[in-house]
Amino acid sequence: FQDYIQDAQTRLQNHQLKPGEDIRTDSNGRVQVSGQ
């Protein structure tokens, strides 16, 4: 889970998320993931 969060955070910054990949950063800077 942590490895995925780190990878997703990097791809979020580089605009490389996959279709349907719901990754967000909340007001405290924490990464939140959801969806299939």
PDB file of all heavy atoms in Angstrom:
ATOM      1  N   PHE A   1       0.833  -1.202   0.000  1.00  0.00           N
ATOM      2  CA  PHE A   1       0.000   0.000   0.000  1.00  0.00           C
ATOM      3  C   PHE A   1       0.870   1.255   0.000  1.00  0.00           C
ATOM      4  O   PHE A   1       0.635   2.191  -0.781  1.00  0.00           O
ATOM      5  CB  PHE A   1      -0.921  -0.010   1.222  1.00  0.00           C
ATOM      6  CG  PHE A   1      -1.816   1.195   1.318  1.00  0.00           C
ATOM      7  CD1 PHE A   1      -2.956   1.306   0.530  1.00  0.00           C
ATOM      8  CD2 PHE A   1      -1.516   2.226   2.195  1.00  0.00           C
ATOM      9  CE1 PHE A   1      -3.771   2.419   0.604  1.00  0.00           C
ATOM     10  CE2 PHE A   1      -2.324   3.347   2.287  1.00  0.00           C
ATOM     11  CZ  PHE A   1      -3.458   3.445   1.488  1.00  0.00           C
ATOM     12  N   GLN A   2       1.903   1.261   0.836  1.00  0.00           N
ATOM     13  CA  GLN A   2       2.789   2.423   0.905  1.00  0.00           C
ATOM     14  C   GLN A   2       3.575   2.598  -0.396  1.00  0.00           C
ATOM     15  O   GLN A   2       3.762   3.729  -0.876  1.00  0.00           O
ATOM     16  CB  GLN A   2       3.751   2.281   2.095  1.00  0.00           C
ATOM     17  CG  GLN A   2       3.092   2.330   3.455  1.00  0.00           C
ATOM     18  CD  GLN A   2       2.347   3.634   3.706  1.00  0.00           C
ATOM     19  OE1 GLN A   2       2.709   4.689   3.170  1.00  0.00           O
ATOM     20  NE2 GLN A   2       1.286   3.565   4.501  1.00  0.00           N
ATOM     21  N   ASP A   3       4.037   1.494  -0.968  1.00  0.00           N
ATOM     22  CA  ASP A   3       4.761   1.572  -2.247  1.00  0.00           C
ATOM     23  C   ASP A   3       3.857   2.148  -3.340  1.00  0.00           C
ATOM     24  O   ASP A   3       4.306   2.951  -4.173  1.00  0.00           O
ATOM     25  CB  ASP A   3       5.251   0.182  -2.673  1.00  0.00           C
ATOM     26  CG  ASP A   3       6.394  -0.323  -1.813  1.00  0.00           C
ATOM     27  OD1 ASP A   3       6.976   0.485  -1.054  1.00  0.00           O
ATOM     28  OD2 ASP A   3       6.701  -1.528  -1.893  1.00  0.00           O
ATOM     29  N   TYR A   4       2.607   1.716  -3.326  1.00  0.00           N
ATOM     30  CA  TYR A   4       1.668   2.239  -4.326  1.00  0.00           C
ATOM     31  C   TYR A   4       1.428   3.727  -4.119  1.00  0.00           C
ATOM     32  O   TYR A   4       1.406   4.501  -5.082  1.00  0.00           O
ATOM     33  CB  TYR A   4       0.337   1.481  -4.279  1.00  0.00           C
ATOM     34  CG  TYR A   4      -0.707   2.126  -5.163  1.00  0.00           C
ATOM     35  CD1 TYR A   4      -0.592   2.074  -6.553  1.00  0.00           C
ATOM     36  CD2 TYR A   4      -1.765   2.850  -4.618  1.00  0.00           C
ATOM     37  CE1 TYR A   4      -1.514   2.696  -7.367  1.00  0.00           C
ATOM     38  CE2 TYR A   4      -2.696   3.477  -5.432  1.00  0.00           C
ATOM     39  CZ  TYR A   4      -2.567   3.400  -6.803  1.00  0.00           C
ATOM     40  OH  TYR A   4      -3.468   4.027  -7.603  1.00  0.00           O
ATOM     41  N   ILE A   5       1.265   4.153  -2.865  1.00  0.00           N
ATOM     42  CA  ILE A   5       1.034   5.566  -2.560  1.00  0.00           C
ATOM     43  C   ILE A   5       2.190   6.418  -3.077  1.00  0.00           C
ATOM     44  O   ILE A   5       1.980   7.465  -3.723  1.00  0.00           O
ATOM     45  CB  ILE A   5       0.871   5.776  -1.036  1.00  0.00           C
ATOM     46  CG1 ILE A   5      -0.444   5.169  -0.543  1.00  0.00           C
ATOM     47  CG2 ILE A   5       0.926   7.270  -0.687  1.00  0.00           C
ATOM     48  CD1 ILE A   5      -1.674   5.892  -0.995  1.00  0.00           C
ATOM     49  N   GLN A   6       3.415   5.968  -2.820  1.00  0.00           N
ATOM     50  CA  GLN A   6       4.587   6.731  -3.272  1.00  0.00           C
ATOM     51  C   GLN A   6       4.633   6.828  -4.793  1.00  0.00           C
ATOM     52  O   GLN A   6       4.883   7.898  -5.358  1.00  0.00           O
ATOM     53  CB  GLN A   6       5.862   6.087  -2.738  1.00  0.00           C
ATOM     54  CG  GLN A   6       6.036   6.207  -1.237  1.00  0.00           C
ATOM     55  CD  GLN A   6       7.289   5.511  -0.734  1.00  0.00           C
ATOM     56  OE1 GLN A   6       8.112   5.030  -1.524  1.00  0.00           O
ATOM     57  NE2 GLN A   6       7.449   5.443   0.583  1.00  0.00           N
ATOM     58  N   ASP A   7       4.396   5.707  -5.451  1.00  0.00           N
ATOM     59  CA  ASP A   7       4.410   5.692  -6.909  1.00  0.00           C
ATOM     60  C   ASP A   7       3.284   6.556  -7.478  1.00  0.00           C
ATOM     61  O   ASP A   7       3.490   7.320  -8.431  1.00  0.00           O
ATOM     62  CB  ASP A   7       4.274   4.255  -7.408  1.00  0.00           C
ATOM     63  CG  ASP A   7       4.215   4.163  -8.923  1.00  0.00           C
ATOM     64  OD1 ASP A   7       5.209   4.519  -9.585  1.00  0.00           O
ATOM     65  OD2 ASP A   7       3.162   3.753  -9.444  1.00  0.00           O
ATOM     66  N   ALA A   8       2.096   6.440  -6.882  1.00  0.00           N
ATOM     67  CA  ALA A   8       0.947   7.211  -7.374  1.00  0.00           C
ATOM     68  C   ALA A   8       1.168   8.706  -7.178  1.00  0.00           C
ATOM     69  O   ALA A   8       0.770   9.522  -8.025  1.00  0.00           O
ATOM     70  CB  ALA A   8      -0.320   6.763  -6.650  1.00  0.00           C
ATOM     71  N   GLN A   9       1.791   9.074  -6.071  1.00  0.00           N
ATOM     72  CA  GLN A   9       2.060  10.488  -5.801  1.00  0.00           C
ATOM     73  C   GLN A   9       2.991  11.067  -6.867  1.00  0.00           C
ATOM     74  O   GLN A   9       2.772  12.180  -7.367  1.00  0.00           O
ATOM     75  CB  GLN A   9       2.684  10.633  -4.417  1.00  0.00           C
ATOM     76  CG  GLN A   9       2.696  12.059  -3.886  1.00  0.00           C
ATOM     77  CD  GLN A   9       3.053  12.111  -2.418  1.00  0.00           C
ATOM     78  OE1 GLN A   9       3.591  11.159  -1.864  1.00  0.00           O
ATOM     79  NE2 GLN A   9       2.717  13.211  -1.757  1.00  0.00           N
ATOM     80  N   THR A  10       3.997  10.288  -7.237  1.00  0.00           N
ATOM     81  CA  THR A  10       4.927  10.740  -8.277  1.00  0.00           C
ATOM     82  C   THR A  10       4.210  10.885  -9.616  1.00  0.00           C
ATOM     83  O   THR A  10       4.376  11.886 -10.329  1.00  0.00           O
ATOM     84  CB  THR A  10       6.088   9.741  -8.419  1.00  0.00           C
ATOM     85  OG1 THR A  10       6.781   9.639  -7.179  1.00  0.00           O
ATOM     86  CG2 THR A  10       7.061  10.195  -9.507  1.00  0.00           C
ATOM     87  N   ARG A  11       3.389   9.899  -9.952  1.00  0.00           N
ATOM     88  CA  ARG A  11       2.666   9.942 -11.229  1.00  0.00           C
ATOM     89  C   ARG A  11       1.601  11.040 -11.244  1.00  0.00           C
ATOM     90  O   ARG A  11       1.320  11.621 -12.292  1.00  0.00           O
ATOM     91  CB  ARG A  11       2.050   8.569 -11.526  1.00  0.00           C
ATOM     92  CG  ARG A  11       3.097   7.527 -11.887  1.00  0.00           C
ATOM     93  CD  ARG A  11       2.525   6.194 -12.326  1.00  0.00           C
ATOM     94  NE  ARG A  11       1.849   5.475 -11.258  1.00  0.00           N
ATOM     95  CZ  ARG A  11       0.542   5.326 -11.149  1.00  0.00           C
ATOM     96  NH1 ARG A  11      -0.269   5.825 -12.084  1.00  0.00           N
ATOM     97  NH2 ARG A  11       0.004   4.660 -10.143  1.00  0.00           N
ATOM     98  N   LEU A  12       1.036  11.327 -10.072  1.00  0.00           N
ATOM     99  CA  LEU A  12       0.069  12.434  -9.976  1.00  0.00           C
ATOM    100  C   LEU A  12       0.744  13.759 -10.316  1.00  0.00           C
ATOM    101  O   LEU A  12       0.207  14.577 -11.076  1.00  0.00           O
ATOM    102  CB  LEU A  12      -0.518  12.485  -8.564  1.00  0.00           C
ATOM    103  CG  LEU A  12      -1.472  13.656  -8.238  1.00  0.00           C
ATOM    104  CD1 LEU A  12      -2.723  13.592  -9.114  1.00  0.00           C
ATOM    105  CD2 LEU A  12      -1.864  13.628  -6.758  1.00  0.00           C
ATOM    106  N   GLN A  13       1.938  13.947  -9.779  1.00  0.00           N
ATOM    107  CA  GLN A  13       2.690  15.184 -10.049  1.00  0.00           C
ATOM    108  C   GLN A  13       3.109  15.288 -11.507  1.00  0.00           C
ATOM    109  O   GLN A  13       3.205  16.388 -12.060  1.00  0.00           O
ATOM    110  CB  GLN A  13       3.922  15.242  -9.132  1.00  0.00           C
ATOM    111  CG  GLN A  13       3.577  15.378  -7.657  1.00  0.00           C
ATOM    112  CD  GLN A  13       4.787  15.152  -6.747  1.00  0.00           C
ATOM    113  OE1 GLN A  13       5.862  14.739  -7.214  1.00  0.00           O
ATOM    114  NE2 GLN A  13       4.615  15.425  -5.462  1.00  0.00           N
ATOM    115  N   ASN A  14       3.341  14.128 -12.129  1.00  0.00           N
ATOM    116  CA  ASN A  14       3.789  14.113 -13.532  1.00  0.00           C
ATOM    117  C   ASN A  14       2.639  13.925 -14.521  1.00  0.00           C
ATOM    118  O   ASN A  14       2.876  13.706 -15.712  1.00  0.00           O
ATOM    119  CB  ASN A  14       4.820  12.990 -13.731  1.00  0.00           C
ATOM    120  CG  ASN A  14       6.094  13.227 -12.945  1.00  0.00           C
ATOM    121  OD1 ASN A  14       6.482  14.369 -12.699  1.00  0.00           O
ATOM    122  ND2 ASN A  14       6.746  12.150 -12.529  1.00  0.00           N
ATOM    123  N   HIS A  15       1.403  13.989 -14.003  1.00  0.00           N
ATOM    124  CA  HIS A  15       0.197  13.832 -14.847  1.00  0.00           C
ATOM    125  C   HIS A  15       0.220  12.512 -15.610  1.00  0.00           C
ATOM    126  O   HIS A  15      -0.057  12.446 -16.807  1.00  0.00           O
ATOM    127  CB  HIS A  15       0.076  15.001 -15.839  1.00  0.00           C
ATOM    128  CG  HIS A  15       0.139  16.348 -15.175  1.00  0.00           C
ATOM    129  ND1 HIS A  15      -0.883  16.847 -14.403  1.00  0.00           N
ATOM    130  CD2 HIS A  15       1.123  17.292 -15.147  1.00  0.00           C
ATOM    131  CE1 HIS A  15      -0.554  18.044 -13.939  1.00  0.00           C
ATOM    132  NE2 HIS A  15       0.665  18.339 -14.376  1.00  0.00           N
ATOM    133  N   GLN A  16       0.543  11.428 -14.887  1.00  0.00           N
ATOM    134  CA  GLN A  16       0.662  10.109 -15.512  1.00  0.00           C
ATOM    135  C   GLN A  16      -0.284   9.082 -14.892  1.00  0.00           C
ATOM    136  O   GLN A  16      -0.044   7.878 -14.987  1.00  0.00           O
ATOM    137  CB  GLN A  16       2.107   9.600 -15.383  1.00  0.00           C
ATOM    138  CG  GLN A  16       3.119  10.425 -16.174  1.00  0.00           C
ATOM    139  CD  GLN A  16       4.541   9.965 -15.914  1.00  0.00           C
ATOM    140  OE1 GLN A  16       4.852   9.402 -14.867  1.00  0.00           O
ATOM    141  NE2 GLN A  16       5.423  10.205 -16.888  1.00  0.00           N
ATOM    142  N   LEU A  17      -1.363   9.541 -14.281  1.00  0.00           N
ATOM    143  CA  LEU A  17      -2.313   8.604 -13.683  1.00  0.00           C
ATOM    144  C   LEU A  17      -3.054   7.825 -14.770  1.00  0.00           C
ATOM    145  O   LEU A  17      -3.270   8.325 -15.878  1.00  0.00           O
ATOM    146  CB  LEU A  17      -3.328   9.344 -12.803  1.00  0.00           C
ATOM    147  CG  LEU A  17      -2.780   9.995 -11.529  1.00  0.00           C
ATOM    148  CD1 LEU A  17      -3.908  10.666 -10.764  1.00  0.00           C
ATOM    149  CD2 LEU A  17      -2.083   8.958 -10.654  1.00  0.00           C
ATOM    150  N   LYS A  18      -3.457   6.604 -14.447  1.00  0.00           N
ATOM    151  CA  LYS A  18      -4.207   5.781 -15.386  1.00  0.00           C
ATOM    152  C   LYS A  18      -5.679   6.194 -15.370  1.00  0.00           C
ATOM    153  O   LYS A  18      -6.160   6.751 -14.371  1.00  0.00           O
ATOM    154  CB  LYS A  18      -4.083   4.309 -14.994  1.00  0.00           C
ATOM    155  CG  LYS A  18      -2.671   3.774 -15.073  1.00  0.00           C
ATOM    156  CD  LYS A  18      -2.618   2.309 -14.688  1.00  0.00           C
ATOM    157  CE  LYS A  18      -1.203   1.763 -14.807  1.00  0.00           C
ATOM    158  NZ  LYS A  18      -1.131   0.337 -14.440  1.00  0.00           N
ATOM    159  N   PRO A  19      -6.405   5.938 -16.453  1.00  0.00           N
ATOM    160  CA  PRO A  19      -7.842   6.235 -16.456  1.00  0.00           C
ATOM    161  C   PRO A  19      -8.547   5.520 -15.303  1.00  0.00           C
ATOM    162  O   PRO A  19      -8.346   4.328 -15.086  1.00  0.00           O
ATOM    163  CB  PRO A  19      -8.309   5.681 -17.813  1.00  0.00           C
ATOM    164  CG  PRO A  19      -7.090   5.684 -18.672  1.00  0.00           C
ATOM    165  CD  PRO A  19      -5.944   5.398 -17.750  1.00  0.00           C
ATOM    166  N   GLY A  20      -9.336   6.269 -14.540  1.00  0.00           N
ATOM    167  CA  GLY A  20     -10.071   5.690 -13.429  1.00  0.00           C
ATOM    168  C   GLY A  20      -9.301   5.631 -12.125  1.00  0.00           C
ATOM    169  O   GLY A  20      -9.831   5.207 -11.099  1.00  0.00           O
ATOM    170  N   GLU A  21      -8.043   6.062 -12.143  1.00  0.00           N
ATOM    171  CA  GLU A  21      -7.221   6.052 -10.932  1.00  0.00           C
ATOM    172  C   GLU A  21      -7.496   7.329 -10.142  1.00  0.00           C
ATOM    173  O   GLU A  21      -7.135   8.426 -10.568  1.00  0.00           O
ATOM    174  CB  GLU A  21      -5.737   5.957 -11.322  1.00  0.00           C
ATOM    175  CG  GLU A  21      -4.853   5.420 -10.232  1.00  0.00           C
ATOM    176  CD  GLU A  21      -3.436   5.152 -10.730  1.00  0.00           C
ATOM    177  OE1 GLU A  21      -3.102   5.540 -11.872  1.00  0.00           O
ATOM    178  OE2 GLU A  21      -2.665   4.554  -9.973  1.00  0.00           O
ATOM    179  N   ASP A  22      -8.134   7.193  -8.991  1.00  0.00           N
ATOM    180  CA  ASP A  22      -8.580   8.351  -8.210  1.00  0.00           C
ATOM    181  C   ASP A  22      -7.586   8.616  -7.087  1.00  0.00           C
ATOM    182  O   ASP A  22      -7.635   8.017  -6.018  1.00  0.00           O
ATOM    183  CB  ASP A  22      -9.979   8.077  -7.641  1.00  0.00           C
ATOM    184  CG  ASP A  22     -10.624   9.331  -7.063  1.00  0.00           C
ATOM    185  OD1 ASP A  22      -9.967  10.390  -7.083  1.00  0.00           O
ATOM    186  OD2 ASP A  22     -11.766   9.248  -6.575  1.00  0.00           O
ATOM    187  N   ILE A  23      -6.653   9.532  -7.336  1.00  0.00           N
ATOM    188  CA  ILE A  23      -5.609   9.883  -6.369  1.00  0.00           C
ATOM    189  C   ILE A  23      -5.723  11.378  -6.071  1.00  0.00           C
ATOM    190  O   ILE A  23      -5.718  12.201  -6.987  1.00  0.00           O
ATOM    191  CB  ILE A  23      -4.191   9.604  -6.929  1.00  0.00           C
ATOM    192  CG1 ILE A  23      -4.127   8.232  -7.593  1.00  0.00           C
ATOM    193  CG2 ILE A  23      -3.136   9.761  -5.843  1.00  0.00           C
ATOM    194  CD1 ILE A  23      -4.293   7.078  -6.658  1.00  0.00           C
ATOM    195  N   ARG A  24      -5.823  11.714  -4.786  1.00  0.00           N
ATOM    196  CA  ARG A  24      -5.959  13.125  -4.408  1.00  0.00           C
ATOM    197  C   ARG A  24      -5.077  13.442  -3.219  1.00  0.00           C
ATOM    198  O   ARG A  24      -4.748  12.568  -2.418  1.00  0.00           O
ATOM    199  CB  ARG A  24      -7.425  13.438  -4.059  1.00  0.00           C
ATOM    200  CG  ARG A  24      -8.392  13.176  -5.208  1.00  0.00           C
ATOM    201  CD  ARG A  24      -9.826  13.362  -4.774  1.00  0.00           C
ATOM    202  NE  ARG A  24     -10.765  12.955  -5.824  1.00  0.00           N
ATOM    203  CZ  ARG A  24     -12.073  12.947  -5.688  1.00  0.00           C
ATOM    204  NH1 ARG A  24     -12.627  13.319  -4.549  1.00  0.00           N
ATOM    205  NH2 ARG A  24     -12.846  12.552  -6.685  1.00  0.00           N
ATOM    206  N   THR A  25      -4.702  14.706  -3.098  1.00  0.00           N
ATOM    207  CA  THR A  25      -3.957  15.188  -1.936  1.00  0.00           C
ATOM    208  C   THR A  25      -4.875  16.077  -1.120  1.00  0.00           C
ATOM    209  O   THR A  25      -5.434  17.053  -1.640  1.00  0.00           O
ATOM    210  CB  THR A  25      -2.712  15.975  -2.371  1.00  0.00           C
ATOM    211  OG1 THR A  25      -1.914  15.153  -3.231  1.00  0.00           O
ATOM    212  CG2 THR A  25      -1.892  16.407  -1.173  1.00  0.00           C
ATOM    213  N   ASP A  26      -5.053  15.734   0.175  1.00  0.00           N
ATOM    214  CA  ASP A  26      -5.982  16.519   1.000  1.00  0.00           C
ATOM    215  C   ASP A  26      -5.314  17.798   1.481  1.00  0.00           C
ATOM    216  O   ASP A  26      -4.154  18.091   1.162  1.00  0.00           O
ATOM    217  CB  ASP A  26      -6.532  15.688   2.158  1.00  0.00           C
ATOM    218  CG  ASP A  26      -5.457  15.278   3.162  1.00  0.00           C
ATOM    219  OD1 ASP A  26      -4.359  15.876   3.136  1.00  0.00           O
ATOM    220  OD2 ASP A  26      -5.716  14.368   3.972  1.00  0.00           O
ATOM    221  N   SER A  27      -6.024  18.575   2.298  1.00  0.00           N
ATOM    222  CA  SER A  27      -5.539  19.884   2.748  1.00  0.00           C
ATOM    223  C   SER A  27      -4.290  19.775   3.624  1.00  0.00           C
ATOM    224  O   SER A  27      -3.532  20.736   3.769  1.00  0.00           O
ATOM    225  CB  SER A  27      -6.641  20.612   3.519  1.00  0.00           C
ATOM    226  OG  SER A  27      -7.096  19.825   4.609  1.00  0.00           O
ATOM    227  N   ASN A  28      -4.066  18.577   4.196  1.00  0.00           N
ATOM    228  CA  ASN A  28      -2.881  18.368   5.030  1.00  0.00           C
ATOM    229  C   ASN A  28      -1.709  17.775   4.247  1.00  0.00           C
ATOM    230  O   ASN A  28      -0.691  17.424   4.832  1.00  0.00           O
ATOM    231  CB  ASN A  28      -3.228  17.437   6.199  1.00  0.00           C
ATOM    232  CG  ASN A  28      -4.259  18.043   7.129  1.00  0.00           C
ATOM    233  OD1 ASN A  28      -4.175  19.224   7.464  1.00  0.00           O
ATOM    234  ND2 ASN A  28      -5.243  17.249   7.540  1.00  0.00           N
ATOM    235  N   GLY A  29      -1.909  17.635   2.931  1.00  0.00           N
ATOM    236  CA  GLY A  29      -0.846  17.112   2.093  1.00  0.00           C
ATOM    237  C   GLY A  29      -0.761  15.612   2.047  1.00  0.00           C
ATOM    238  O   GLY A  29       0.166  15.047   1.464  1.00  0.00           O
ATOM    239  N   ARG A  30      -1.748  14.924   2.632  1.00  0.00           N
ATOM    240  CA  ARG A  30      -1.757  13.468   2.614  1.00  0.00           C
ATOM    241  C   ARG A  30      -2.413  12.957   1.342  1.00  0.00           C
ATOM    242  O   ARG A  30      -3.423  13.504   0.900  1.00  0.00           O
ATOM    243  CB  ARG A  30      -2.502  12.915   3.838  1.00  0.00           C
ATOM    244  CG  ARG A  30      -1.750  13.112   5.147  1.00  0.00           C
ATOM    245  CD  ARG A  30      -2.554  12.610   6.319  1.00  0.00           C
ATOM    246  NE  ARG A  30      -3.848  13.289   6.398  1.00  0.00           N
ATOM    247  CZ  ARG A  30      -4.494  13.521   7.539  1.00  0.00           C
ATOM    248  NH1 ARG A  30      -3.983  13.132   8.679  1.00  0.00           N
ATOM    249  NH2 ARG A  30      -5.667  14.128   7.532  1.00  0.00           N
ATOM    250  N   VAL A  31      -1.837  11.884   0.787  1.00  0.00           N
ATOM    251  CA  VAL A  31      -2.373  11.309  -0.442  1.00  0.00           C
ATOM    252  C   VAL A  31      -3.512  10.359  -0.096  1.00  0.00           C
ATOM    253  O   VAL A  31      -3.382   9.506   0.796  1.00  0.00           O
ATOM    254  CB  VAL A  31      -1.276  10.553  -1.223  1.00  0.00           C
ATOM    255  CG1 VAL A  31      -1.858   9.913  -2.471  1.00  0.00           C
ATOM    256  CG2 VAL A  31      -0.153  11.503  -1.597  1.00  0.00           C
ATOM    257  N   GLN A  32      -4.621  10.496  -0.777  1.00  0.00           N
ATOM    258  CA  GLN A  32      -5.774   9.620  -0.580  1.00  0.00           C
ATOM    259  C   GLN A  32      -6.067   8.898  -1.890  1.00  0.00           C
ATOM    260  O   GLN A  32      -6.052   9.520  -2.954  1.00  0.00           O
ATOM    261  CB  GLN A  32      -7.003  10.422  -0.140  1.00  0.00           C
ATOM    262  CG  GLN A  32      -6.831  11.106   1.207  1.00  0.00           C
ATOM    263  CD  GLN A  32      -8.060  11.910   1.603  1.00  0.00           C
ATOM    264  OE1 GLN A  32      -8.690  12.542   0.763  1.00  0.00           O
ATOM    265  NE2 GLN A  32      -8.391  11.877   2.878  1.00  0.00           N
ATOM    266  N   VAL A  33      -6.305   7.603  -1.794  1.00  0.00           N
ATOM    267  CA  VAL A  33      -6.621   6.810  -2.983  1.00  0.00           C
ATOM    268  C   VAL A  33      -7.977   6.147  -2.807  1.00  0.00           C
ATOM    269  O   VAL A  33      -8.379   5.825  -1.695  1.00  0.00           O
ATOM    270  CB  VAL A  33      -5.546   5.726  -3.253  1.00  0.00           C
ATOM    271  CG1 VAL A  33      -4.182   6.357  -3.402  1.00  0.00           C
ATOM    272  CG2 VAL A  33      -5.533   4.683  -2.152  1.00  0.00           C
ATOM    273  N   SER A  34      -8.677   5.977  -3.916  1.00  0.00           N
ATOM    274  CA  SER A  34      -9.969   5.289  -3.871  1.00  0.00           C
ATOM    275  C   SER A  34     -10.262   4.717  -5.248  1.00  0.00           C
ATOM    276  O   SER A  34      -9.626   5.075  -6.236  1.00  0.00           O
ATOM    277  CB  SER A  34     -11.090   6.245  -3.430  1.00  0.00           C
ATOM    278  OG  SER A  34     -11.229   7.310  -4.356  1.00  0.00           O
ATOM    279  N   GLY A  35     -11.247   3.829  -5.294  1.00  0.00           N
ATOM    280  CA  GLY A  35     -11.677   3.279  -6.577  1.00  0.00           C
ATOM    281  C   GLY A  35     -11.035   1.949  -6.903  1.00  0.00           C
ATOM    282  O   GLY A  35     -10.018   1.537  -6.331  1.00  0.00           O
ATOM    283  N   GLN A  36     -11.647   1.296  -7.867  1.00  0.00           N
ATOM    284  CA  GLN A  36     -11.263  -0.058  -8.246  1.00  0.00           C
ATOM    285  C   GLN A  36      -9.866  -0.129  -8.847  1.00  0.00           C
ATOM    286  O   GLN A  36      -9.126  -1.080  -8.604  1.00  0.00           O
ATOM    287  CB  GLN A  36     -12.296  -0.605  -9.228  1.00  0.00           C
ATOM    288  CG  GLN A  36     -12.203  -2.090  -9.494  1.00  0.00           C
ATOM    289  CD  GLN A  36     -13.320  -2.577 -10.380  1.00  0.00           C
ATOM    290  OE1 GLN A  36     -13.706  -1.903 -11.325  1.00  0.00           O
ATOM    291  NE2 GLN A  36     -13.861  -3.755 -10.092  1.00  0.00           N
TER     292      GLN A  36
END
